[in-house]
Amino acid sequence: PSQRMKVGAEFTWPMAPGKDGGEVDLRVFPAVERSEDFTAYLVTGKGEWAWMTAVNPRRRLLCGYLWRAKDFPWLGDWEMNYDREAKPWSCRTLTRGLEFGLSPFAHGRDGMRSLGRLKDVPTLGVIGPHARRTARFYMFLAEVSENCAGVEKVERKKESISVRLRGTGETIVLSCK
């Protein structure tokens, strides 16, 4: 695969070490002809709530998720930029996925069990027979201006979600229960 980032390197969002020695800004989808990358993030330790957003300024659309970090401590960010040759992709797929969950990687139960803990956080969640686990998350959409350069911060208030935008100084407040 045509990876842009240095494999196995640790970094702090949004700048990742590039395989060529430079930096890769993960806020921006790559402008290269072909690439394929995956990064995993630990979202705990930054407060009760974790969040992710994707913004398309051309379409004036923001999509986001907000969840309790203890419920889903990992965030995976993957991109497929016309690089995977195997079917069904056949070098025709342009995709970016953001996934929050209990595991940092898509290695299945056995793979995550053998990994155990990463950064002192479990990489696998297990629910016993007849047991229950409940988690809540919020998904939101909002219209943004063409000048929006992303999101600085998302906060859960008593009955709202506050989204502070980069590039415009605006704050969007969305009601929620």
N, C-alpha and C. Protein backbone atom coordinates (compact mmCIF):
# COMPACT_ATOMS: atom_id res chain seq x y z
N PRO A 1 0.82 -1.21 0.00
CA PRO A 1 0.00 0.00 0.00
C PRO A 1 0.86 1.26 0.00
N SER A 2 0.27 2.33 -0.46
CA SER A 2 0.95 3.63 -0.55
C SER A 2 0.67 4.43 0.71
N GLN A 3 1.31 4.08 1.80
CA GLN A 3 1.09 4.76 3.06
C GLN A 3 1.86 6.07 3.11
N ARG A 4 1.21 7.09 3.67
CA ARG A 4 1.84 8.40 3.81
C ARG A 4 2.54 8.55 5.15
N MET A 5 2.09 7.77 6.15
CA MET A 5 2.58 7.94 7.51
C MET A 5 3.61 6.89 7.89
N LYS A 6 4.44 7.25 8.85
CA LYS A 6 5.43 6.33 9.39
C LYS A 6 4.70 5.27 10.22
N VAL A 7 4.87 4.01 9.87
CA VAL A 7 4.18 2.90 10.52
C VAL A 7 4.67 2.75 11.96
N GLY A 8 3.72 2.62 12.90
CA GLY A 8 4.04 2.37 14.30
C GLY A 8 4.47 3.58 15.10
N ALA A 9 4.48 4.75 14.50
CA ALA A 9 4.92 5.96 15.21
C ALA A 9 3.83 6.49 16.13
N GLU A 10 4.22 6.99 17.29
CA GLU A 10 3.27 7.65 18.19
C GLU A 10 3.26 9.14 17.88
N PHE A 11 2.09 9.75 18.03
CA PHE A 11 1.97 11.18 17.73
C PHE A 11 0.73 11.73 18.41
N THR A 12 0.63 13.03 18.41
CA THR A 12 -0.54 13.72 18.94
C THR A 12 -1.29 14.34 17.78
N TRP A 13 -2.60 14.05 17.72
CA TRP A 13 -3.47 14.60 16.69
C TRP A 13 -3.28 16.10 16.62
N PRO A 14 -3.28 16.74 15.47
CA PRO A 14 -3.59 16.20 14.15
C PRO A 14 -2.37 15.93 13.27
N MET A 15 -1.16 16.22 13.78
CA MET A 15 0.02 16.07 12.92
C MET A 15 0.70 14.73 13.20
N ALA A 16 0.81 13.91 12.15
CA ALA A 16 1.44 12.59 12.26
C ALA A 16 2.76 12.59 11.51
N PRO A 17 3.73 11.82 11.97
CA PRO A 17 4.99 11.74 11.24
C PRO A 17 4.82 11.02 9.91
N GLY A 18 5.29 11.65 8.85
CA GLY A 18 5.21 11.04 7.53
C GLY A 18 6.33 10.05 7.30
N LYS A 19 6.11 9.11 6.41
CA LYS A 19 7.15 8.10 6.15
C LYS A 19 8.38 8.73 5.49
N ASP A 20 8.21 9.91 4.89
CA ASP A 20 9.33 10.60 4.23
C ASP A 20 10.07 11.56 5.17
N GLY A 21 9.67 11.58 6.45
CA GLY A 21 10.32 12.46 7.42
C GLY A 21 9.56 13.74 7.69
N GLY A 22 8.62 14.11 6.84
CA GLY A 22 7.81 15.30 7.05
C GLY A 22 6.64 15.01 7.97
N GLU A 23 5.66 15.89 7.95
CA GLU A 23 4.46 15.70 8.76
C GLU A 23 3.24 15.57 7.86
N VAL A 24 2.24 14.83 8.34
CA VAL A 24 0.98 14.64 7.63
C VAL A 24 -0.12 15.26 8.49
N ASP A 25 -0.88 16.19 7.91
CA ASP A 25 -2.00 16.82 8.61
C ASP A 25 -3.23 15.94 8.40
N LEU A 26 -3.66 15.25 9.47
CA LEU A 26 -4.77 14.31 9.36
C LEU A 26 -6.13 14.99 9.28
N ARG A 27 -6.17 16.31 9.42
CA ARG A 27 -7.45 17.02 9.28
C ARG A 27 -7.85 17.13 7.82
N VAL A 28 -6.91 16.92 6.91
CA VAL A 28 -7.15 17.13 5.48
C VAL A 28 -7.00 15.81 4.74
N PHE A 29 -7.98 15.49 3.89
CA PHE A 29 -7.87 14.26 3.10
C PHE A 29 -6.72 14.43 2.11
N PRO A 30 -5.94 13.37 1.87
CA PRO A 30 -4.73 13.51 1.05
C PRO A 30 -5.02 13.93 -0.38
N ALA A 31 -4.12 14.74 -0.90
CA ALA A 31 -4.22 15.20 -2.29
C ALA A 31 -3.43 14.32 -3.23
N VAL A 32 -2.78 13.28 -2.70
CA VAL A 32 -2.00 12.38 -3.54
C VAL A 32 -2.93 11.48 -4.35
N GLU A 33 -2.42 10.94 -5.44
CA GLU A 33 -3.24 10.13 -6.33
C GLU A 33 -3.73 8.85 -5.67
N ARG A 34 -2.84 8.18 -4.91
CA ARG A 34 -3.20 6.93 -4.24
C ARG A 34 -2.58 6.89 -2.85
N SER A 35 -3.35 6.44 -1.88
CA SER A 35 -2.81 6.25 -0.54
C SER A 35 -3.76 5.37 0.27
N GLU A 36 -3.22 4.82 1.36
CA GLU A 36 -4.01 3.98 2.25
C GLU A 36 -3.36 4.06 3.63
N ASP A 37 -4.10 4.52 4.62
CA ASP A 37 -3.55 4.66 5.97
C ASP A 37 -4.58 4.31 7.01
N PHE A 38 -4.09 3.94 8.21
CA PHE A 38 -4.95 3.69 9.36
C PHE A 38 -4.22 4.21 10.60
N THR A 39 -4.95 4.93 11.45
CA THR A 39 -4.41 5.36 12.72
C THR A 39 -5.42 5.05 13.81
N ALA A 40 -4.92 4.79 15.02
CA ALA A 40 -5.78 4.52 16.18
C ALA A 40 -5.43 5.51 17.28
N TYR A 41 -6.45 5.97 17.98
CA TYR A 41 -6.27 6.98 19.03
C TYR A 41 -6.94 6.52 20.31
N LEU A 42 -6.29 6.81 21.41
CA LEU A 42 -6.88 6.61 22.72
C LEU A 42 -7.56 7.92 23.11
N VAL A 43 -8.85 7.87 23.40
CA VAL A 43 -9.60 9.11 23.66
C VAL A 43 -9.84 9.35 25.15
N THR A 44 -9.42 8.44 26.01
CA THR A 44 -9.62 8.65 27.44
C THR A 44 -8.58 9.61 27.99
N GLY A 45 -8.86 10.14 29.18
CA GLY A 45 -7.91 11.04 29.82
C GLY A 45 -8.08 12.49 29.43
N LYS A 46 -9.07 12.79 28.61
CA LYS A 46 -9.29 14.17 28.17
C LYS A 46 -10.66 14.67 28.62
N GLY A 47 -11.20 14.07 29.65
CA GLY A 47 -12.52 14.45 30.13
C GLY A 47 -13.50 13.31 29.98
N GLU A 48 -14.73 13.55 30.44
CA GLU A 48 -15.75 12.51 30.41
C GLU A 48 -16.18 12.16 28.99
N TRP A 49 -16.25 13.15 28.12
CA TRP A 49 -16.78 12.95 26.77
C TRP A 49 -15.68 12.95 25.73
N ALA A 50 -15.85 12.11 24.72
CA ALA A 50 -14.96 12.08 23.56
C ALA A 50 -15.81 12.42 22.33
N TRP A 51 -15.15 12.87 21.27
CA TRP A 51 -15.90 13.27 20.08
C TRP A 51 -15.05 13.12 18.84
N MET A 52 -15.74 13.06 17.72
CA MET A 52 -15.08 13.11 16.41
C MET A 52 -16.02 13.82 15.46
N THR A 53 -15.45 14.50 14.49
CA THR A 53 -16.26 15.20 13.49
C THR A 53 -15.60 15.07 12.13
N ALA A 54 -16.41 15.25 11.12
CA ALA A 54 -15.93 15.35 9.74
C ALA A 54 -16.66 16.54 9.12
N VAL A 55 -15.92 17.37 8.40
CA VAL A 55 -16.49 18.58 7.81
C VAL A 55 -16.21 18.58 6.31
N ASN A 56 -17.24 18.91 5.54
CA ASN A 56 -17.09 19.12 4.11
C ASN A 56 -17.51 20.56 3.83
N PRO A 57 -16.55 21.51 3.80
CA PRO A 57 -16.91 22.91 3.60
C PRO A 57 -17.59 23.17 2.26
N ARG A 58 -17.21 22.42 1.25
CA ARG A 58 -17.82 22.62 -0.07
C ARG A 58 -19.32 22.30 -0.03
N ARG A 59 -19.67 21.27 0.71
CA ARG A 59 -21.09 20.90 0.87
C ARG A 59 -21.73 21.60 2.07
N ARG A 60 -20.90 22.34 2.83
CA ARG A 60 -21.35 23.09 4.00
C ARG A 60 -21.98 22.17 5.05
N LEU A 61 -21.33 21.02 5.28
CA LEU A 61 -21.90 20.01 6.16
C LEU A 61 -20.88 19.55 7.20
N LEU A 62 -21.35 19.43 8.43
CA LEU A 62 -20.57 18.88 9.52
C LEU A 62 -21.32 17.67 10.06
N CYS A 63 -20.60 16.59 10.28
CA CYS A 63 -21.16 15.38 10.87
C CYS A 63 -20.30 15.05 12.08
N GLY A 64 -20.93 14.71 13.20
CA GLY A 64 -20.14 14.42 14.39
C GLY A 64 -20.77 13.38 15.28
N TYR A 65 -19.94 12.85 16.16
CA TYR A 65 -20.37 11.91 17.20
C TYR A 65 -19.79 12.37 18.52
N LEU A 66 -20.54 12.11 19.58
CA LEU A 66 -20.13 12.42 20.94
C LEU A 66 -20.49 11.23 21.81
N TRP A 67 -19.55 10.76 22.64
CA TRP A 67 -19.80 9.58 23.47
C TRP A 67 -18.97 9.67 24.74
N ARG A 68 -19.32 8.87 25.73
CA ARG A 68 -18.53 8.81 26.96
C ARG A 68 -17.24 8.04 26.67
N ALA A 69 -16.13 8.65 26.99
CA ALA A 69 -14.83 8.05 26.69
C ALA A 69 -14.65 6.70 27.37
N LYS A 70 -15.22 6.53 28.56
CA LYS A 70 -15.07 5.25 29.26
C LYS A 70 -15.83 4.13 28.55
N ASP A 71 -16.88 4.47 27.82
CA ASP A 71 -17.66 3.45 27.09
C ASP A 71 -16.93 2.96 25.85
N PHE A 72 -16.28 3.87 25.15
CA PHE A 72 -15.57 3.54 23.91
C PHE A 72 -14.24 4.31 23.91
N PRO A 73 -13.17 3.70 24.45
CA PRO A 73 -11.92 4.44 24.62
C PRO A 73 -11.07 4.59 23.36
N TRP A 74 -11.44 3.94 22.28
CA TRP A 74 -10.60 3.95 21.07
C TRP A 74 -11.32 4.56 19.88
N LEU A 75 -10.53 5.24 19.05
CA LEU A 75 -11.03 5.81 17.80
C LEU A 75 -10.10 5.37 16.68
N GLY A 76 -10.66 4.79 15.64
CA GLY A 76 -9.89 4.40 14.47
C GLY A 76 -10.22 5.32 13.30
N ASP A 77 -9.20 5.70 12.55
CA ASP A 77 -9.34 6.60 11.40
C ASP A 77 -8.66 5.92 10.22
N TRP A 78 -9.44 5.52 9.23
CA TRP A 78 -8.85 4.84 8.08
C TRP A 78 -9.24 5.53 6.79
N GLU A 79 -8.35 5.45 5.84
CA GLU A 79 -8.61 6.04 4.52
C GLU A 79 -8.25 5.05 3.43
N MET A 80 -9.00 5.07 2.39
CA MET A 80 -8.76 4.25 1.21
C MET A 80 -8.86 5.20 0.02
N ASN A 81 -7.73 5.53 -0.54
CA ASN A 81 -7.66 6.53 -1.61
C ASN A 81 -7.18 5.84 -2.89
N TYR A 82 -8.07 5.08 -3.52
CA TYR A 82 -7.81 4.40 -4.80
C TYR A 82 -6.57 3.50 -4.76
N ASP A 83 -6.26 2.91 -3.60
CA ASP A 83 -5.01 2.17 -3.48
C ASP A 83 -5.16 0.66 -3.40
N ARG A 84 -6.24 0.15 -2.83
CA ARG A 84 -6.37 -1.29 -2.64
C ARG A 84 -6.81 -1.96 -3.94
N GLU A 85 -5.98 -2.89 -4.41
CA GLU A 85 -6.22 -3.53 -5.71
C GLU A 85 -7.20 -4.69 -5.65
N ALA A 86 -7.30 -5.36 -4.50
CA ALA A 86 -8.17 -6.54 -4.38
C ALA A 86 -9.64 -6.15 -4.57
N LYS A 87 -10.44 -7.12 -5.00
CA LYS A 87 -11.88 -6.89 -5.11
C LYS A 87 -12.48 -6.85 -3.72
N PRO A 88 -13.46 -6.07 -3.47
CA PRO A 88 -14.28 -5.30 -4.40
C PRO A 88 -13.76 -3.89 -4.68
N TRP A 89 -12.61 -3.50 -4.09
CA TRP A 89 -12.13 -2.13 -4.23
C TRP A 89 -11.61 -1.83 -5.63
N SER A 90 -10.77 -2.71 -6.15
CA SER A 90 -10.23 -2.59 -7.51
C SER A 90 -9.70 -1.19 -7.83
N CYS A 91 -9.04 -0.57 -6.88
CA CYS A 91 -8.46 0.78 -7.04
C CYS A 91 -9.50 1.83 -7.46
N ARG A 92 -10.77 1.62 -7.10
CA ARG A 92 -11.83 2.56 -7.47
C ARG A 92 -12.48 3.22 -6.26
N THR A 93 -11.97 2.98 -5.07
CA THR A 93 -12.65 3.40 -3.86
C THR A 93 -11.96 4.58 -3.19
N LEU A 94 -12.72 5.63 -2.96
CA LEU A 94 -12.26 6.80 -2.22
C LEU A 94 -13.11 6.88 -0.95
N THR A 95 -12.51 6.56 0.20
CA THR A 95 -13.27 6.43 1.44
C THR A 95 -12.44 6.89 2.62
N ARG A 96 -13.12 7.46 3.60
CA ARG A 96 -12.49 7.71 4.89
C ARG A 96 -13.48 7.28 5.96
N GLY A 97 -13.02 6.52 6.91
CA GLY A 97 -13.89 6.03 7.97
C GLY A 97 -13.37 6.44 9.33
N LEU A 98 -14.27 6.83 10.20
CA LEU A 98 -13.96 7.15 11.59
C LEU A 98 -14.83 6.24 12.44
N GLU A 99 -14.20 5.42 13.29
CA GLU A 99 -14.93 4.42 14.07
C GLU A 99 -14.52 4.50 15.53
N PHE A 100 -15.49 4.68 16.42
CA PHE A 100 -15.18 4.64 17.84
C PHE A 100 -15.63 3.29 18.39
N GLY A 101 -14.87 2.76 19.36
CA GLY A 101 -15.23 1.45 19.87
C GLY A 101 -14.37 1.01 21.03
N LEU A 102 -14.45 -0.30 21.31
CA LEU A 102 -13.73 -0.91 22.41
C LEU A 102 -12.35 -1.41 22.02
N SER A 103 -12.06 -1.47 20.73
CA SER A 103 -10.79 -1.98 20.23
C SER A 103 -10.12 -0.96 19.32
N PRO A 104 -8.80 -0.85 19.38
CA PRO A 104 -8.12 0.11 18.51
C PRO A 104 -7.94 -0.39 17.08
N PHE A 105 -7.94 -1.70 16.89
CA PHE A 105 -7.67 -2.28 15.57
C PHE A 105 -8.73 -3.32 15.22
N ALA A 106 -8.88 -3.59 13.96
CA ALA A 106 -9.84 -4.60 13.48
C ALA A 106 -9.15 -5.96 13.37
N HIS A 107 -8.66 -6.46 14.50
CA HIS A 107 -7.94 -7.72 14.51
C HIS A 107 -8.78 -8.88 15.04
N GLY A 108 -10.05 -8.66 15.31
CA GLY A 108 -10.91 -9.73 15.81
C GLY A 108 -10.66 -10.02 17.28
N ARG A 109 -11.53 -10.88 17.82
CA ARG A 109 -11.47 -11.19 19.25
C ARG A 109 -10.13 -11.79 19.67
N ASP A 110 -9.67 -12.80 18.94
CA ASP A 110 -8.43 -13.46 19.32
C ASP A 110 -7.23 -12.51 19.22
N GLY A 111 -7.19 -11.71 18.18
CA GLY A 111 -6.10 -10.75 18.03
C GLY A 111 -6.07 -9.72 19.14
N MET A 112 -7.25 -9.21 19.51
CA MET A 112 -7.31 -8.21 20.58
C MET A 112 -7.03 -8.85 21.93
N ARG A 113 -7.50 -10.08 22.12
CA ARG A 113 -7.22 -10.78 23.38
C ARG A 113 -5.72 -10.98 23.55
N SER A 114 -5.03 -11.35 22.48
CA SER A 114 -3.58 -11.56 22.59
C SER A 114 -2.83 -10.24 22.77
N LEU A 115 -3.37 -9.15 22.26
CA LEU A 115 -2.76 -7.83 22.47
C LEU A 115 -2.92 -7.39 23.92
N GLY A 116 -4.07 -7.72 24.50
CA GLY A 116 -4.31 -7.40 25.92
C GLY A 116 -4.60 -5.94 26.14
N ARG A 117 -3.62 -5.22 26.65
CA ARG A 117 -3.78 -3.79 26.95
C ARG A 117 -2.79 -2.99 26.13
N LEU A 118 -3.21 -1.80 25.78
CA LEU A 118 -2.36 -0.87 25.05
C LEU A 118 -2.49 0.46 25.77
N LYS A 119 -1.38 1.07 26.14
CA LYS A 119 -1.41 2.32 26.92
C LYS A 119 -2.19 2.11 28.23
N ASP A 120 -2.11 0.91 28.77
CA ASP A 120 -2.78 0.52 30.01
C ASP A 120 -4.31 0.55 29.90
N VAL A 121 -4.84 0.42 28.69
CA VAL A 121 -6.28 0.40 28.45
C VAL A 121 -6.61 -0.91 27.73
N PRO A 122 -7.68 -1.61 28.13
CA PRO A 122 -8.04 -2.85 27.45
C PRO A 122 -8.29 -2.62 25.95
N THR A 123 -7.97 -3.61 25.15
CA THR A 123 -8.20 -3.53 23.70
C THR A 123 -9.37 -4.41 23.28
N LEU A 124 -10.08 -4.96 24.25
CA LEU A 124 -11.21 -5.83 23.96
C LEU A 124 -12.24 -5.69 25.06
N GLY A 125 -13.50 -5.55 24.69
CA GLY A 125 -14.58 -5.55 25.66
C GLY A 125 -15.32 -6.87 25.57
N VAL A 126 -15.60 -7.47 26.72
CA VAL A 126 -16.28 -8.76 26.76
C VAL A 126 -17.54 -8.63 27.60
N ILE A 127 -18.62 -9.18 27.08
CA ILE A 127 -19.88 -9.23 27.81
C ILE A 127 -20.18 -10.70 28.06
N GLY A 128 -20.35 -11.07 29.31
CA GLY A 128 -20.60 -12.46 29.67
C GLY A 128 -21.98 -12.93 29.25
N PRO A 129 -22.21 -14.25 29.34
CA PRO A 129 -23.52 -14.81 28.98
C PRO A 129 -24.63 -14.17 29.82
N HIS A 130 -25.70 -13.80 29.19
CA HIS A 130 -26.89 -13.20 29.82
C HIS A 130 -26.61 -11.84 30.47
N ALA A 131 -25.44 -11.29 30.24
CA ALA A 131 -25.10 -9.98 30.80
C ALA A 131 -25.56 -8.89 29.83
N ARG A 132 -25.63 -7.68 30.34
CA ARG A 132 -26.02 -6.54 29.51
C ARG A 132 -25.01 -5.42 29.71
N ARG A 133 -24.89 -4.65 28.66
CA ARG A 133 -24.06 -3.45 28.73
C ARG A 133 -24.78 -2.37 27.93
N THR A 134 -24.93 -1.21 28.51
CA THR A 134 -25.62 -0.12 27.84
C THR A 134 -24.66 1.05 27.66
N ALA A 135 -24.68 1.62 26.49
CA ALA A 135 -23.87 2.80 26.21
C ALA A 135 -24.70 3.73 25.33
N ARG A 136 -24.49 5.01 25.49
CA ARG A 136 -25.22 6.00 24.71
C ARG A 136 -24.22 6.86 23.96
N PHE A 137 -24.60 7.21 22.73
CA PHE A 137 -23.80 8.17 21.98
C PHE A 137 -24.74 9.09 21.22
N TYR A 138 -24.22 10.22 20.83
CA TYR A 138 -24.99 11.20 20.07
C TYR A 138 -24.37 11.35 18.70
N MET A 139 -25.22 11.44 17.70
CA MET A 139 -24.77 11.73 16.33
C MET A 139 -25.44 13.03 15.94
N PHE A 140 -24.68 13.92 15.30
CA PHE A 140 -25.27 15.21 14.94
C PHE A 140 -24.80 15.66 13.57
N LEU A 141 -25.66 16.41 12.91
CA LEU A 141 -25.38 17.05 11.63
C LEU A 141 -25.65 18.54 11.78
N ALA A 142 -24.86 19.34 11.11
CA ALA A 142 -25.09 20.79 11.16
C ALA A 142 -24.59 21.41 9.87
N GLU A 143 -25.24 22.50 9.50
CA GLU A 143 -24.77 23.27 8.35
C GLU A 143 -23.66 24.21 8.82
N VAL A 144 -22.61 24.32 8.02
CA VAL A 144 -21.49 25.22 8.33
C VAL A 144 -21.22 26.10 7.12
N SER A 145 -20.45 27.15 7.33
CA SER A 145 -20.10 28.03 6.21
C SER A 145 -18.96 27.41 5.41
N GLU A 146 -18.75 27.91 4.22
CA GLU A 146 -17.66 27.42 3.37
C GLU A 146 -16.29 27.75 3.96
N ASN A 147 -16.24 28.68 4.90
CA ASN A 147 -14.98 29.06 5.54
C ASN A 147 -14.61 28.17 6.72
N CYS A 148 -15.46 27.23 7.06
CA CYS A 148 -15.19 26.35 8.19
C CYS A 148 -13.96 25.49 7.88
N ALA A 149 -12.99 25.51 8.80
CA ALA A 149 -11.74 24.75 8.62
C ALA A 149 -11.69 23.55 9.56
N GLY A 150 -12.83 23.17 10.11
CA GLY A 150 -12.86 22.03 11.03
C GLY A 150 -13.47 22.43 12.36
N VAL A 151 -13.23 21.60 13.35
CA VAL A 151 -13.82 21.78 14.67
C VAL A 151 -12.72 21.87 15.72
N GLU A 152 -12.82 22.86 16.60
CA GLU A 152 -11.87 23.02 17.70
C GLU A 152 -12.27 22.21 18.91
N LYS A 153 -13.57 22.20 19.21
CA LYS A 153 -14.01 21.58 20.45
C LYS A 153 -15.48 21.22 20.37
N VAL A 154 -15.84 20.11 20.99
CA VAL A 154 -17.24 19.70 21.15
C VAL A 154 -17.46 19.47 22.64
N GLU A 155 -18.54 20.03 23.18
CA GLU A 155 -18.84 19.87 24.60
C GLU A 155 -20.29 19.46 24.79
N ARG A 156 -20.51 18.60 25.76
CA ARG A 156 -21.86 18.20 26.15
C ARG A 156 -22.28 19.08 27.31
N LYS A 157 -23.36 19.82 27.10
CA LYS A 157 -23.92 20.65 28.16
C LYS A 157 -25.15 19.92 28.71
N LYS A 158 -25.91 20.56 29.57
CA LYS A 158 -27.05 19.88 30.20
C LYS A 158 -28.04 19.33 29.18
N GLU A 159 -28.49 20.15 28.26
CA GLU A 159 -29.44 19.69 27.23
C GLU A 159 -29.02 20.14 25.84
N SER A 160 -27.70 20.25 25.63
CA SER A 160 -27.22 20.67 24.32
C SER A 160 -25.82 20.15 24.06
N ILE A 161 -25.44 20.22 22.81
CA ILE A 161 -24.08 19.94 22.37
C ILE A 161 -23.56 21.22 21.74
N SER A 162 -22.41 21.68 22.20
CA SER A 162 -21.81 22.91 21.71
C SER A 162 -20.61 22.54 20.83
N VAL A 163 -20.59 23.09 19.61
CA VAL A 163 -19.53 22.78 18.64
C VAL A 163 -18.83 24.08 18.26
N ARG A 164 -17.57 24.23 18.65
CA ARG A 164 -16.80 25.43 18.29
C ARG A 164 -16.01 25.14 17.01
N LEU A 165 -16.24 25.97 15.99
CA LEU A 165 -15.64 25.76 14.68
C LEU A 165 -14.29 26.46 14.55
N ARG A 166 -13.41 25.87 13.77
CA ARG A 166 -12.13 26.50 13.42
C ARG A 166 -12.34 27.32 12.16
N GLY A 167 -11.65 28.42 12.07
CA GLY A 167 -11.68 29.21 10.85
C GLY A 167 -12.77 30.24 10.78
N THR A 168 -13.79 30.11 11.62
CA THR A 168 -14.90 31.07 11.58
C THR A 168 -15.14 31.72 12.94
N GLY A 169 -14.69 31.08 14.01
CA GLY A 169 -14.96 31.59 15.35
C GLY A 169 -16.37 31.31 15.82
N GLU A 170 -17.17 30.64 15.00
CA GLU A 170 -18.57 30.37 15.33
C GLU A 170 -18.68 29.22 16.32
N THR A 171 -19.78 29.24 17.08
CA THR A 171 -20.16 28.12 17.93
C THR A 171 -21.58 27.73 17.55
N ILE A 172 -21.76 26.46 17.27
CA ILE A 172 -23.09 25.92 16.96
C ILE A 172 -23.59 25.22 18.21
N VAL A 173 -24.83 25.49 18.60
CA VAL A 173 -25.43 24.84 19.76
C VAL A 173 -26.60 24.00 19.27
N LEU A 174 -26.53 22.71 19.56
CA LEU A 174 -27.56 21.76 19.13
C LEU A 174 -28.25 21.21 20.36
N SER A 175 -29.58 21.17 20.35
CA SER A 175 -30.30 20.65 21.51
C SER A 175 -30.26 19.12 21.50
N CYS A 176 -30.22 18.54 22.70
CA CYS A 176 -30.25 17.09 22.84
C CYS A 176 -30.76 16.74 24.23
N LYS A 177 -31.16 15.54 24.42
CA LYS A 177 -31.65 15.06 25.73
C LYS A 177 -30.69 14.05 26.29
